[in-house]
Amino acid sequence: MTHLLDTNILVPIADLMIASVALTHDMTLVTHNTIDYEQIPGLRLADWLAP
């Protein structure tokens, strides 16, 4: 997460907490709100509403 500080990328603390759980457990984060998580390096995302 230090990368986010170095690049001045702002991510809400609640989103960082959710992302950290997914990263810690090597899980894919499933959400329709992918835009808030796309800046987090190493985080795998899946949009559950995408075709």
PDB file of N, CA and C in Angstrom:
ATOM      1  N   MET A   1       0.810  -1.193   0.000  1.00  0.00           N
ATOM      2  CA  MET A   1       0.000   0.000   0.000  1.00  0.00           C
ATOM      3  C   MET A   1       0.860   1.268   0.000  1.00  0.00           C
ATOM      4  N   THR A   2       2.127   1.130   0.262  1.00  0.00           N
ATOM      5  CA  THR A   2       3.004   2.292   0.247  1.00  0.00           C
ATOM      6  C   THR A   2       2.997   2.950  -1.117  1.00  0.00           C
ATOM      7  N   HIS A   3       2.826   2.158  -2.166  1.00  0.00           N
ATOM      8  CA  HIS A   3       2.764   2.683  -3.527  1.00  0.00           C
ATOM      9  C   HIS A   3       1.677   3.749  -3.656  1.00  0.00           C
ATOM     10  N   LEU A   4       0.560   3.551  -3.000  1.00  0.00           N
ATOM     11  CA  LEU A   4      -0.535   4.519  -3.070  1.00  0.00           C
ATOM     12  C   LEU A   4      -0.118   5.855  -2.470  1.00  0.00           C
ATOM     13  N   LEU A   5       0.636   5.823  -1.405  1.00  0.00           N
ATOM     14  CA  LEU A   5       1.107   7.063  -0.779  1.00  0.00           C
ATOM     15  C   LEU A   5       2.100   7.793  -1.678  1.00  0.00           C
ATOM     16  N   ASP A   6       2.975   7.028  -2.316  1.00  0.00           N
ATOM     17  CA  ASP A   6       3.988   7.619  -3.189  1.00  0.00           C
ATOM     18  C   ASP A   6       3.385   8.297  -4.411  1.00  0.00           C
ATOM     19  N   THR A   7       2.243   7.827  -4.874  1.00  0.00           N
ATOM     20  CA  THR A   7       1.631   8.365  -6.091  1.00  0.00           C
ATOM     21  C   THR A   7       0.456   9.290  -5.802  1.00  0.00           C
ATOM     22  N   ASN A   8       0.190   9.558  -4.534  1.00  0.00           N
ATOM     23  CA  ASN A   8      -0.914  10.443  -4.129  1.00  0.00           C
ATOM     24  C   ASN A   8      -2.280   9.940  -4.587  1.00  0.00           C
ATOM     25  N   ILE A   9      -2.441   8.638  -4.679  1.00  0.00           N
ATOM     26  CA  ILE A   9      -3.733   8.056  -5.026  1.00  0.00           C
ATOM     27  C   ILE A   9      -4.573   7.976  -3.758  1.00  0.00           C
ATOM     28  N   LEU A  10      -5.761   8.541  -3.810  1.00  0.00           N
ATOM     29  CA  LEU A  10      -6.643   8.543  -2.649  1.00  0.00           C
ATOM     30  C   LEU A  10      -7.690   7.444  -2.765  1.00  0.00           C
ATOM     31  N   VAL A  11      -7.719   6.577  -1.773  1.00  0.00           N
ATOM     32  CA  VAL A  11      -8.694   5.494  -1.719  1.00  0.00           C
ATOM     33  C   VAL A  11      -9.329   5.556  -0.331  1.00  0.00           C
ATOM     34  N   PRO A  12     -10.650   5.521  -0.252  1.00  0.00           N
ATOM     35  CA  PRO A  12     -11.306   5.573   1.060  1.00  0.00           C
ATOM     36  C   PRO A  12     -10.812   4.448   1.976  1.00  0.00           C
ATOM     37  N   ILE A  13     -10.684   4.741   3.254  1.00  0.00           N
ATOM     38  CA  ILE A  13     -10.150   3.784   4.225  1.00  0.00           C
ATOM     39  C   ILE A  13     -10.958   2.488   4.256  1.00  0.00           C
ATOM     40  N   ALA A  14     -12.262   2.574   4.125  1.00  0.00           N
ATOM     41  CA  ALA A  14     -13.089   1.356   4.134  1.00  0.00           C
ATOM     42  C   ALA A  14     -12.744   0.463   2.941  1.00  0.00           C
ATOM     43  N   ASP A  15     -12.511   1.063   1.774  1.00  0.00           N
ATOM     44  CA  ASP A  15     -12.134   0.290   0.594  1.00  0.00           C
ATOM     45  C   ASP A  15     -10.754  -0.335   0.773  1.00  0.00           C
ATOM     46  N   LEU A  16      -9.835   0.381   1.427  1.00  0.00           N
ATOM     47  CA  LEU A  16      -8.507  -0.172   1.700  1.00  0.00           C
ATOM     48  C   LEU A  16      -8.593  -1.360   2.653  1.00  0.00           C
ATOM     49  N   MET A  17      -9.472  -1.276   3.622  1.00  0.00           N
ATOM     50  CA  MET A  17      -9.628  -2.382   4.569  1.00  0.00           C
ATOM     51  C   MET A  17     -10.188  -3.621   3.863  1.00  0.00           C
ATOM     52  N   ILE A  18     -11.158  -3.431   3.001  1.00  0.00           N
ATOM     53  CA  ILE A  18     -11.737  -4.545   2.245  1.00  0.00           C
ATOM     54  C   ILE A  18     -10.683  -5.148   1.319  1.00  0.00           C
ATOM     55  N   ALA A  19      -9.947  -4.283   0.623  1.00  0.00           N
ATOM     56  CA  ALA A  19      -8.912  -4.750  -0.300  1.00  0.00           C
ATOM     57  C   ALA A  19      -7.803  -5.486   0.446  1.00  0.00           C
ATOM     58  N   SER A  20      -7.450  -5.011   1.619  1.00  0.00           N
ATOM     59  CA  SER A  20      -6.368  -5.659   2.370  1.00  0.00           C
ATOM     60  C   SER A  20      -6.739  -7.077   2.781  1.00  0.00           C
ATOM     61  N   VAL A  21      -8.000  -7.310   3.083  1.00  0.00           N
ATOM     62  CA  VAL A  21      -8.441  -8.671   3.413  1.00  0.00           C
ATOM     63  C   VAL A  21      -8.294  -9.576   2.190  1.00  0.00           C
ATOM     64  N   ALA A  22      -8.731  -9.097   1.035  1.00  0.00           N
ATOM     65  CA  ALA A  22      -8.617  -9.882  -0.193  1.00  0.00           C
ATOM     66  C   ALA A  22      -7.152 -10.163  -0.526  1.00  0.00           C
ATOM     67  N   LEU A  23      -6.296  -9.156  -0.396  1.00  0.00           N
ATOM     68  CA  LEU A  23      -4.873  -9.334  -0.696  1.00  0.00           C
ATOM     69  C   LEU A  23      -4.204 -10.296   0.290  1.00  0.00           C
ATOM     70  N   THR A  24      -4.519 -10.166   1.559  1.00  0.00           N
ATOM     71  CA  THR A  24      -3.923 -11.015   2.587  1.00  0.00           C
ATOM     72  C   THR A  24      -4.254 -12.479   2.375  1.00  0.00           C
ATOM     73  N   HIS A  25      -5.469 -12.752   1.938  1.00  0.00           N
ATOM     74  CA  HIS A  25      -5.924 -14.131   1.760  1.00  0.00           C
ATOM     75  C   HIS A  25      -5.839 -14.600   0.308  1.00  0.00           C
ATOM     76  N   ASP A  26      -5.163 -13.819  -0.540  1.00  0.00           N
ATOM     77  CA  ASP A  26      -4.980 -14.166  -1.956  1.00  0.00           C
ATOM     78  C   ASP A  26      -6.318 -14.471  -2.625  1.00  0.00           C
ATOM     79  N   MET A  27      -7.287 -13.584  -2.409  1.00  0.00           N
ATOM     80  CA  MET A  27      -8.627 -13.753  -2.948  1.00  0.00           C
ATOM     81  C   MET A  27      -8.909 -12.720  -4.027  1.00  0.00           C
ATOM     82  N   THR A  28      -9.889 -13.010  -4.858  1.00  0.00           N
ATOM     83  CA  THR A  28     -10.397 -12.052  -5.836  1.00  0.00           C
ATOM     84  C   THR A  28     -11.527 -11.274  -5.180  1.00  0.00           C
ATOM     85  N   LEU A  29     -11.475  -9.957  -5.300  1.00  0.00           N
ATOM     86  CA  LEU A  29     -12.529  -9.102  -4.752  1.00  0.00           C
ATOM     87  C   LEU A  29     -13.642  -8.991  -5.788  1.00  0.00           C
ATOM     88  N   VAL A  30     -14.831  -9.428  -5.417  1.00  0.00           N
ATOM     89  CA  VAL A  30     -15.984  -9.393  -6.309  1.00  0.00           C
ATOM     90  C   VAL A  30     -16.860  -8.213  -5.928  1.00  0.00           C
ATOM     91  N   THR A  31     -16.993  -7.270  -6.861  1.00  0.00           N
ATOM     92  CA  THR A  31     -17.753  -6.049  -6.601  1.00  0.00           C
ATOM     93  C   THR A  31     -18.176  -5.435  -7.930  1.00  0.00           C
ATOM     94  N   HIS A  32     -19.228  -4.662  -7.896  1.00  0.00           N
ATOM     95  CA  HIS A  32     -19.609  -3.888  -9.078  1.00  0.00           C
ATOM     96  C   HIS A  32     -18.928  -2.521  -9.046  1.00  0.00           C
ATOM     97  N   ASN A  33     -18.381  -2.168  -7.898  1.00  0.00           N
ATOM     98  CA  ASN A  33     -17.733  -0.878  -7.697  1.00  0.00           C
ATOM     99  C   ASN A  33     -16.223  -0.993  -7.953  1.00  0.00           C
ATOM    100  N   THR A  34     -15.844  -1.434  -9.130  1.00  0.00           N
ATOM    101  CA  THR A  34     -14.433  -1.691  -9.423  1.00  0.00           C
ATOM    102  C   THR A  34     -13.591  -0.427  -9.510  1.00  0.00           C
ATOM    103  N   ILE A  35     -14.185   0.691  -9.838  1.00  0.00           N
ATOM    104  CA  ILE A  35     -13.417   1.928 -10.031  1.00  0.00           C
ATOM    105  C   ILE A  35     -12.660   2.344  -8.760  1.00  0.00           C
ATOM    106  N   ASP A  36     -13.223   2.068  -7.593  1.00  0.00           N
ATOM    107  CA  ASP A  36     -12.565   2.433  -6.338  1.00  0.00           C
ATOM    108  C   ASP A  36     -11.376   1.535  -6.016  1.00  0.00           C
ATOM    109  N   TYR A  37     -11.295   0.370  -6.645  1.00  0.00           N
ATOM    110  CA  TYR A  37     -10.257  -0.603  -6.314  1.00  0.00           C
ATOM    111  C   TYR A  37      -9.198  -0.764  -7.398  1.00  0.00           C
ATOM    112  N   GLU A  38      -9.413  -0.219  -8.573  1.00  0.00           N
ATOM    113  CA  GLU A  38      -8.502  -0.436  -9.698  1.00  0.00           C
ATOM    114  C   GLU A  38      -7.096   0.095  -9.461  1.00  0.00           C
ATOM    115  N   GLN A  39      -6.932   1.049  -8.575  1.00  0.00           N
ATOM    116  CA  GLN A  39      -5.627   1.655  -8.319  1.00  0.00           C
ATOM    117  C   GLN A  39      -4.776   0.863  -7.332  1.00  0.00           C
ATOM    118  N   ILE A  40      -5.322  -0.188  -6.750  1.00  0.00           N
ATOM    119  CA  ILE A  40      -4.600  -0.946  -5.729  1.00  0.00           C
ATOM    120  C   ILE A  40      -3.808  -2.063  -6.411  1.00  0.00           C
ATOM    121  N   PRO A  41      -2.474  -1.971  -6.351  1.00  0.00           N
ATOM    122  CA  PRO A  41      -1.626  -2.951  -7.034  1.00  0.00           C
ATOM    123  C   PRO A  41      -1.795  -4.360  -6.473  1.00  0.00           C
ATOM    124  N   GLY A  42      -1.844  -5.335  -7.370  1.00  0.00           N
ATOM    125  CA  GLY A  42      -1.913  -6.728  -6.976  1.00  0.00           C
ATOM    126  C   GLY A  42      -3.294  -7.237  -6.640  1.00  0.00           C
ATOM    127  N   LEU A  43      -4.278  -6.367  -6.607  1.00  0.00           N
ATOM    128  CA  LEU A  43      -5.635  -6.771  -6.249  1.00  0.00           C
ATOM    129  C   LEU A  43      -6.357  -7.294  -7.485  1.00  0.00           C
ATOM    130  N   ARG A  44      -6.849  -8.526  -7.384  1.00  0.00           N
ATOM    131  CA  ARG A  44      -7.643  -9.107  -8.474  1.00  0.00           C
ATOM    132  C   ARG A  44      -9.102  -8.728  -8.268  1.00  0.00           C
ATOM    133  N   LEU A  45      -9.723  -8.232  -9.329  1.00  0.00           N
ATOM    134  CA  LEU A  45     -11.114  -7.788  -9.267  1.00  0.00           C
ATOM    135  C   LEU A  45     -11.989  -8.588 -10.218  1.00  0.00           C
ATOM    136  N   ALA A  46     -13.231  -8.769  -9.830  1.00  0.00           N
ATOM    137  CA  ALA A  46     -14.245  -9.355 -10.693  1.00  0.00           C
ATOM    138  C   ALA A  46     -15.524  -8.555 -10.493  1.00  0.00           C
ATOM    139  N   ASP A  47     -16.093  -8.070 -11.614  1.00  0.00           N
ATOM    140  CA  ASP A  47     -17.360  -7.342 -11.560  1.00  0.00           C
ATOM    141  C   ASP A  47     -18.487  -8.351 -11.697  1.00  0.00           C
ATOM    142  N   TRP A  48     -19.251  -8.517 -10.651  1.00  0.00           N
ATOM    143  CA  TRP A  48     -20.295  -9.537 -10.644  1.00  0.00           C
ATOM    144  C   TRP A  48     -21.464  -9.207 -11.564  1.00  0.00           C
ATOM    145  N   LEU A  49     -21.542  -7.991 -12.088  1.00  0.00           N
ATOM    146  CA  LEU A  49     -22.604  -7.640 -13.029  1.00  0.00           C
ATOM    147  C   LEU A  49     -22.113  -7.597 -14.479  1.00  0.00           C
ATOM    148  N   ALA A  50     -20.813  -7.770 -14.686  1.00  0.00           N
ATOM    149  CA  ALA A  50     -20.264  -7.731 -16.048  1.00  0.00           C
ATOM    150  C   ALA A  50     -20.674  -9.000 -16.794  1.00  0.00           C
ATOM    151  N   PRO A  51     -20.961  -8.845 -18.073  1.00  0.00           N
ATOM    152  CA  PRO A  51     -21.360 -10.033 -18.858  1.00  0.00           C
ATOM    153  C   PRO A  51     -20.208 -11.000 -19.068  1.00  0.00           C
TER     154      PRO A  51
END
